[in-house]
């Protein structure tokens, strides 16, 4: 599958190949992260979180996970009207904007695959990146400069919105689910058994499982446990015997090897000398990423929630603390509600062994 995103004004396109069947939401989110993140190519400065995304009415746009992740990033997702929705006007206007880049790649780039196919997905994306460098440096449809120059010269005054790192992006695709752990300290997620901490046996916990997670995280009473791996490991590869090849298979392999000998060399496709483009030394103005923190993983929602967490950490009610201790806690919560910072200051002030404070 070929995934594509195009800037509407400049026409700058970014595309990637993904080996999936149909419009896969996980591959779409991986592609969107790559499109919004800085690229390894210095001549391809295209990046940043957009304000609005215009899509067709496909499975990706209808996915709740995709809509939720885009909402956390502050991206408005709009879709076109289906064809024939209104009998008095032409609908499905976005089909031209969405499908035009695909047609351009198929006519200008993918025709070379009939003579020499890429061996891996990474090799195909490397060839595609070289084509995109050539495509985006071509003339704009109406302005007297290239597409990439038009994108750089029309950036927002405040700068592009910076993209977060991959670990934080993965958390946006997670959904909390309340489950009860079995008496054997195991919990089953989508048919896969995970063994958690023995202290959580029989407790009602919150499972954090995301689209990009291969490990399970468990939360219980403001404390995060994990990661936990599946109890039963995957089946090793190359475990089964190989069958004897038939005459037809042997003949097909000989034809395939002969076709590879008759193919064009790699220098024609993308590994040879490519036209040199001017190195892009433009310094983009970037807005720092503002973390939405949808699940209150980084900060406490309110001062009361912070005090409840402090009381659980100290293993004693706050009503039994002295006035000096409570004054210190109130002063800390007035300055910050960050979970790590609050717990660190409380730990430094209180002695975790005896439960007494430094204030006498």
Protein backbone atom coordinates (compact mmCIF):
# COMPACT_ATOMS: atom_id res chain seq x y z
CA UNK A 1 0.00 0.00 0.00
CA UNK A 2 1.14 3.52 -0.80
CA UNK A 3 0.33 6.17 1.82
CA UNK A 4 0.49 9.81 0.84
CA UNK A 5 0.01 13.26 2.36
CA UNK A 6 0.10 16.47 0.32
CA UNK A 7 0.24 20.10 1.36
CA UNK A 8 -2.73 21.75 -0.34
CA UNK A 9 -1.12 25.09 -1.17
CA UNK A 10 2.40 24.16 -2.23
CA UNK A 11 1.75 20.66 -3.51
CA UNK A 12 4.65 19.17 -1.52
CA UNK A 13 4.06 15.43 -1.17
CA UNK A 14 5.40 12.85 1.25
CA UNK A 15 4.73 9.17 0.60
CA UNK A 16 5.70 5.77 1.98
CA UNK A 17 5.19 2.12 1.09
CA UNK A 18 3.82 -0.22 3.77
CA UNK A 19 3.43 -3.96 3.35
CA UNK A 20 -0.15 -4.34 4.62
CA UNK A 21 -3.45 -5.63 3.30
CA UNK A 22 -5.94 -2.84 2.71
CA UNK A 23 -6.10 0.47 4.57
CA UNK A 24 -4.47 -0.48 7.87
CA UNK A 25 -4.90 1.99 10.76
CA UNK A 26 -1.62 1.03 12.45
CA UNK A 27 0.34 1.61 9.24
CA UNK A 28 -1.50 4.90 8.71
CA UNK A 29 -0.51 6.15 12.17
CA UNK A 30 3.11 5.11 11.59
CA UNK A 31 3.06 6.99 8.31
CA UNK A 32 1.54 10.10 9.89
CA UNK A 33 4.23 10.09 12.57
CA UNK A 34 6.95 9.87 9.91
CA UNK A 35 5.28 12.62 7.86
CA UNK A 36 5.06 15.02 10.82
CA UNK A 37 8.57 14.27 12.16
CA UNK A 38 11.87 15.69 10.84
CA UNK A 39 13.32 13.70 7.94
CA UNK A 40 16.82 12.31 7.62
CA UNK A 41 17.18 14.05 4.24
CA UNK A 42 18.35 17.65 4.72
CA UNK A 43 16.75 18.61 1.39
CA UNK A 44 13.33 17.49 2.68
CA UNK A 45 12.36 19.89 5.53
CA UNK A 46 8.66 18.97 5.28
CA UNK A 47 7.43 18.34 8.87
CA UNK A 48 5.15 19.65 11.62
CA UNK A 49 1.65 18.99 12.98
CA UNK A 50 -1.01 20.41 10.63
CA UNK A 51 -4.15 22.23 11.72
CA UNK A 52 -6.48 20.22 9.49
CA UNK A 53 -6.38 16.92 7.60
CA UNK A 54 -8.65 16.37 4.58
CA UNK A 55 -9.33 12.71 3.82
CA UNK A 56 -11.66 10.47 1.88
CA UNK A 57 -14.34 8.38 3.58
CA UNK A 58 -12.22 5.27 3.99
CA UNK A 59 -11.66 2.84 6.88
CA UNK A 60 -8.82 4.98 8.26
CA UNK A 61 -10.92 8.14 8.57
CA UNK A 62 -13.69 6.13 10.25
CA UNK A 63 -11.36 4.51 12.78
CA UNK A 64 -11.96 5.66 16.36
CA UNK A 65 -8.30 5.11 17.25
CA UNK A 66 -7.15 7.30 14.37
CA UNK A 67 -9.67 10.01 15.27
CA UNK A 68 -8.60 9.89 18.94
CA UNK A 69 -4.87 10.20 18.17
CA UNK A 70 -5.46 13.08 15.76
CA UNK A 71 -7.62 14.77 18.40
CA UNK A 72 -4.86 14.54 21.00
CA UNK A 73 -2.47 16.19 18.53
CA UNK A 74 -4.94 18.99 17.84
CA UNK A 75 -5.62 17.99 14.22
CA UNK A 76 -9.09 18.50 12.79
CA UNK A 77 -10.07 15.62 10.49
CA UNK A 78 -12.47 16.45 7.68
CA UNK A 79 -13.88 14.10 5.05
CA UNK A 80 -15.55 14.81 1.74
CA UNK A 81 -19.21 14.15 1.00
CA UNK A 82 -19.78 10.70 -0.55
CA UNK A 83 -20.43 10.62 -4.27
CA UNK A 84 -24.09 11.30 -5.04
CA UNK A 85 -24.84 12.68 -1.58
CA UNK A 86 -26.44 15.80 -3.00
CA UNK A 87 -28.32 15.56 -6.29
CA UNK A 88 -27.92 19.27 -7.17
CA UNK A 89 -24.15 19.56 -6.94
CA UNK A 90 -21.06 17.49 -7.55
CA UNK A 91 -19.79 15.81 -4.39
CA UNK A 92 -16.62 13.88 -3.51
CA UNK A 93 -14.47 16.90 -4.40
CA UNK A 94 -11.48 15.65 -2.41
CA UNK A 95 -10.97 12.61 -4.62
CA UNK A 96 -8.91 14.66 -7.07
CA UNK A 97 -6.70 16.10 -4.32
CA UNK A 98 -6.20 12.68 -2.72
CA UNK A 99 -5.79 10.52 -5.81
CA UNK A 100 -3.64 12.87 -7.94
CA UNK A 101 -0.36 12.17 -6.08
CA UNK A 102 -0.95 8.41 -6.37
CA UNK A 103 -1.47 8.70 -10.11
CA UNK A 104 1.68 10.83 -10.45
CA UNK A 105 3.80 8.22 -8.67
CA UNK A 106 2.34 5.36 -10.68
CA UNK A 107 2.94 7.09 -14.02
CA UNK A 108 6.35 8.68 -13.32
CA UNK A 109 8.00 6.28 -10.87
CA UNK A 110 6.34 2.88 -10.56
CA UNK A 111 6.57 2.17 -14.29
CA UNK A 112 10.28 1.45 -13.69
CA UNK A 113 9.33 -1.43 -11.39
CA UNK A 114 8.31 -3.50 -14.42
CA UNK A 115 12.00 -3.64 -15.35
CA UNK A 116 13.50 -3.87 -11.86
CA UNK A 117 11.54 -4.44 -8.66
CA UNK A 118 12.84 -3.43 -5.23
CA UNK A 119 13.77 -6.39 -3.06
CA UNK A 120 12.59 -5.01 0.29
CA UNK A 121 10.19 -2.39 1.59
CA UNK A 122 13.08 -0.28 2.85
CA UNK A 123 14.68 -0.30 -0.59
CA UNK A 124 11.39 0.72 -2.22
CA UNK A 125 11.01 3.64 0.21
CA UNK A 126 14.61 4.71 -0.43
CA UNK A 127 13.93 4.87 -4.18
CA UNK A 128 10.64 6.65 -3.52
CA UNK A 129 12.39 9.28 -1.37
CA UNK A 130 14.78 10.09 -4.23
CA UNK A 131 11.80 10.49 -6.55
CA UNK A 132 10.05 12.76 -4.04
CA UNK A 133 13.14 14.98 -3.84
CA UNK A 134 12.96 15.36 -7.60
CA UNK A 135 9.17 15.82 -7.59
CA UNK A 136 9.06 18.46 -4.84
CA UNK A 137 11.85 20.48 -6.46
CA UNK A 138 9.87 20.83 -9.69
CA UNK A 139 8.02 24.03 -10.53
CA UNK A 140 4.93 25.04 -8.61
CA UNK A 141 1.64 24.91 -10.52
CA UNK A 142 1.19 28.71 -10.41
CA UNK A 143 4.18 30.32 -8.63
CA UNK A 144 7.61 31.01 -10.22
CA UNK A 145 9.48 28.67 -7.84
CA UNK A 146 9.52 25.04 -6.76
CA UNK A 147 6.98 23.30 -4.55
CA UNK A 148 9.39 22.99 -1.62
CA UNK A 149 10.35 26.66 -1.85
CA UNK A 150 6.67 27.60 -1.81
CA UNK A 151 6.11 25.49 1.33
CA UNK A 152 9.07 27.08 3.14
CA UNK A 153 8.09 30.64 2.19
CA UNK A 154 4.47 30.25 3.37
CA UNK A 155 4.96 28.77 6.83
CA UNK A 156 2.89 30.18 9.74
CA UNK A 157 4.26 33.24 11.48
CA UNK A 158 4.53 31.39 14.78
CA UNK A 159 6.31 28.49 13.11
CA UNK A 160 5.42 24.87 12.54
CA UNK A 161 4.12 22.82 15.44
CA UNK A 162 6.80 20.41 16.61
CA UNK A 163 6.04 16.69 16.69
CA UNK A 164 6.52 14.60 19.84
CA UNK A 165 8.80 11.57 20.09
CA UNK A 166 7.71 8.05 19.17
CA UNK A 167 7.27 6.83 22.76
CA UNK A 168 4.85 9.64 23.57
CA UNK A 169 3.01 9.12 20.27
CA UNK A 170 2.45 5.46 21.16
CA UNK A 171 0.72 6.42 24.41
CA UNK A 172 -1.95 8.35 22.49
CA UNK A 173 -3.05 5.09 20.85
CA UNK A 174 -3.57 3.41 24.23
CA UNK A 175 -6.98 2.93 25.79
CA UNK A 176 -7.50 2.25 29.50
CA UNK A 177 -9.56 -0.86 30.27
CA UNK A 178 -10.70 -1.88 33.74
CA UNK A 179 -10.25 -5.62 34.37
CA UNK A 180 -10.01 -8.01 37.32
CA UNK A 181 -6.83 -10.05 37.71
CA UNK A 182 -7.29 -13.76 38.29
CA UNK A 183 -6.27 -15.56 41.45
CA UNK A 184 -3.26 -16.91 39.53
CA UNK A 185 -2.08 -13.30 38.89
CA UNK A 186 -2.84 -13.66 35.19
CA UNK A 187 -4.95 -11.56 32.87
CA UNK A 188 -5.91 -12.36 29.28
CA UNK A 189 -5.91 -9.72 26.54
CA UNK A 190 -7.16 -10.73 23.08
CA UNK A 191 -6.49 -14.39 23.80
CA UNK A 192 -2.94 -13.81 25.08
CA UNK A 193 -2.20 -14.50 28.75
CA UNK A 194 0.02 -12.17 30.77
CA UNK A 195 1.35 -12.83 34.25
CA UNK A 196 1.45 -9.68 36.41
CA UNK A 197 2.69 -8.95 39.92
CA UNK A 198 1.55 -11.53 42.52
CA UNK A 199 0.29 -8.72 44.77
CA UNK A 200 -2.32 -7.83 42.12
CA UNK A 201 -4.04 -11.24 42.24
CA UNK A 202 -7.78 -10.75 42.62
CA UNK A 203 -7.52 -6.94 42.36
CA UNK A 204 -9.40 -4.73 39.91
CA UNK A 205 -6.77 -2.93 37.84
CA UNK A 206 -6.59 -0.68 34.79
CA UNK A 207 -4.90 -2.24 31.74
CA UNK A 208 -3.00 0.03 29.37
CA UNK A 209 -2.85 -1.61 25.96
CA UNK A 210 -2.13 0.27 22.77
CA UNK A 211 -2.03 -0.30 19.05
CA UNK A 212 1.78 -0.26 18.97
CA UNK A 213 2.39 -2.12 22.24
CA UNK A 214 3.83 -5.61 22.44
CA UNK A 215 3.89 -5.37 26.24
CA UNK A 216 1.19 -4.83 28.83
CA UNK A 217 1.14 -2.13 31.53
CA UNK A 218 -1.06 -2.36 34.63
CA UNK A 219 -2.12 0.50 36.89
CA UNK A 220 -3.43 0.06 40.43
CA UNK A 221 -3.92 2.83 43.01
CA UNK A 222 -1.89 5.50 41.19
CA UNK A 223 0.99 3.09 40.63
CA UNK A 224 2.12 1.75 37.25
CA UNK A 225 3.35 -1.85 36.93
CA UNK A 226 5.06 -3.39 33.94
CA UNK A 227 5.91 -3.99 31.26
CA UNK A 228 4.67 -7.60 31.25
CA UNK A 229 5.41 -10.03 28.43
CA UNK A 230 3.16 -12.89 27.28
CA UNK A 231 3.44 -16.05 29.35
CA UNK A 232 3.75 -18.28 26.27
CA UNK A 233 6.39 -17.16 23.78
CA UNK A 234 5.93 -17.10 19.99
CA UNK A 235 6.63 -20.15 17.86
CA UNK A 236 10.24 -20.06 16.58
CA UNK A 237 10.81 -19.54 12.88
CA UNK A 238 12.19 -22.27 10.55
CA UNK A 239 10.84 -24.99 12.81
CA UNK A 240 9.00 -26.96 10.17
CA UNK A 241 10.60 -29.00 7.42
CA UNK A 242 10.64 -27.77 3.85
CA UNK A 243 8.89 -29.77 1.15
CA UNK A 244 10.58 -31.05 -1.99
CA UNK A 245 10.20 -28.68 -4.94
CA UNK A 246 8.23 -29.81 -7.96
CA UNK A 247 9.24 -29.49 -11.61
CA UNK A 248 6.99 -26.49 -12.04
CA UNK A 249 8.58 -24.70 -9.09
CA UNK A 250 12.09 -25.44 -10.33
CA UNK A 251 11.21 -24.17 -13.81
CA UNK A 252 9.68 -21.01 -12.32
CA UNK A 253 12.87 -20.38 -10.33
CA UNK A 254 14.99 -20.72 -13.48
CA UNK A 255 12.74 -18.24 -15.29
CA UNK A 256 12.92 -15.85 -12.34
CA UNK A 257 16.73 -16.00 -12.23
CA UNK A 258 16.88 -15.39 -15.98
CA UNK A 259 14.53 -12.39 -15.62
CA UNK A 260 16.83 -10.91 -12.98
CA UNK A 261 19.79 -11.20 -15.33
CA UNK A 262 17.84 -9.39 -18.06
CA UNK A 263 16.68 -6.56 -15.77
CA UNK A 264 18.06 -3.05 -15.78
CA UNK A 265 20.99 -2.24 -13.46
CA UNK A 266 20.34 -0.54 -10.14
CA UNK A 267 21.94 2.68 -11.33
CA UNK A 268 18.96 3.27 -13.62
CA UNK A 269 16.44 2.93 -10.82
CA UNK A 270 17.79 4.73 -7.80
CA UNK A 271 21.23 3.61 -6.69
CA UNK A 272 23.24 5.45 -9.28
CA UNK A 273 24.15 9.06 -9.70
CA UNK A 274 21.17 11.21 -8.89
CA UNK A 275 20.79 14.89 -9.81
CA UNK A 276 22.23 17.07 -7.09
CA UNK A 277 19.82 19.40 -5.36
CA UNK A 278 20.90 22.44 -3.45
CA UNK A 279 21.34 21.69 0.23
CA UNK A 280 18.53 23.20 2.24
CA UNK A 281 20.02 25.37 4.97
CA UNK A 282 16.77 27.15 5.86
CA UNK A 283 16.21 27.29 9.61
CA UNK A 284 12.55 26.54 10.27
CA UNK A 285 10.77 28.29 13.12
CA UNK A 286 9.38 25.55 15.35
CA UNK A 287 6.77 25.72 18.10
CA UNK A 288 7.60 23.34 20.99
CA UNK A 289 5.30 20.32 21.31
CA UNK A 290 2.54 20.86 23.87
CA UNK A 291 1.74 17.54 25.53
CA UNK A 292 -2.05 17.12 25.94
CA UNK A 293 -1.51 14.46 28.68
CA UNK A 294 -4.95 12.86 28.06
CA UNK A 295 -4.63 10.15 30.71
CA UNK A 296 -3.04 12.32 33.47
CA UNK A 297 0.17 10.29 33.25
CA UNK A 298 2.46 13.27 33.79
CA UNK A 299 0.54 15.63 36.06
CA UNK A 300 -2.18 15.39 38.69
CA UNK A 301 -5.57 16.60 37.53
CA UNK A 302 -6.31 18.57 40.73
CA UNK A 303 -4.69 19.45 44.05
CA UNK A 304 -7.03 17.01 45.80
CA UNK A 305 -5.84 14.16 43.58
CA UNK A 306 -2.25 15.09 44.39
CA UNK A 307 -2.95 15.07 48.13
CA UNK A 308 -4.60 11.66 47.85
CA UNK A 309 -1.52 10.33 46.07
CA UNK A 310 0.76 11.86 48.76
CA UNK A 311 -1.31 10.26 51.51
CA UNK A 312 -1.06 6.89 49.73
CA UNK A 313 2.70 7.34 49.34
CA UNK A 314 3.17 8.21 53.03
CA UNK A 315 0.74 5.42 54.07
CA UNK A 316 -0.93 7.77 56.56
CA UNK A 317 -3.77 10.32 56.39
CA UNK A 318 -2.75 13.93 55.94
CA UNK A 319 -4.89 14.92 58.93
CA UNK A 320 -2.30 13.36 61.22
CA UNK A 321 0.53 15.53 59.87
CA UNK A 322 1.73 18.63 61.66
CA UNK A 323 0.93 22.14 60.49
CA UNK A 324 4.54 22.60 59.28
CA UNK A 325 4.33 19.45 57.19
CA UNK A 326 0.99 20.45 55.66
CA UNK A 327 2.35 23.93 54.93
CA UNK A 328 5.26 22.36 53.02
CA UNK A 329 2.88 20.12 51.03
CA UNK A 330 0.66 23.08 50.13
CA UNK A 331 3.71 25.09 49.04
CA UNK A 332 4.87 22.24 46.77
CA UNK A 333 1.44 21.84 45.18
CA UNK A 334 1.22 25.57 44.54
CA UNK A 335 4.40 25.46 42.45
CA UNK A 336 3.82 22.28 40.43
CA UNK A 337 1.45 19.36 39.89
CA UNK A 338 3.97 17.23 37.99
CA UNK A 339 3.83 13.72 39.43
CA UNK A 340 7.56 13.01 39.38
CA UNK A 341 8.48 16.42 40.79
CA UNK A 342 5.88 16.27 43.58
CA UNK A 343 6.84 12.76 44.70
CA UNK A 344 10.55 13.67 44.57
CA UNK A 345 10.09 16.70 46.81
CA UNK A 346 7.90 14.76 49.23
CA UNK A 347 10.46 11.94 49.34
CA UNK A 348 13.28 14.38 50.02
CA UNK A 349 11.31 16.09 52.80
CA UNK A 350 9.93 13.00 54.53
CA UNK A 351 11.94 10.06 55.73
CA UNK A 352 10.41 7.04 53.96
CA UNK A 353 11.65 4.60 56.64
CA UNK A 354 10.37 6.09 59.90
CA UNK A 355 7.60 8.23 58.42
CA UNK A 356 8.82 11.36 60.23
CA UNK A 357 9.73 14.62 58.58
CA UNK A 358 12.81 16.79 58.71
CA UNK A 359 10.76 19.48 60.44
CA UNK A 360 10.90 19.11 64.21
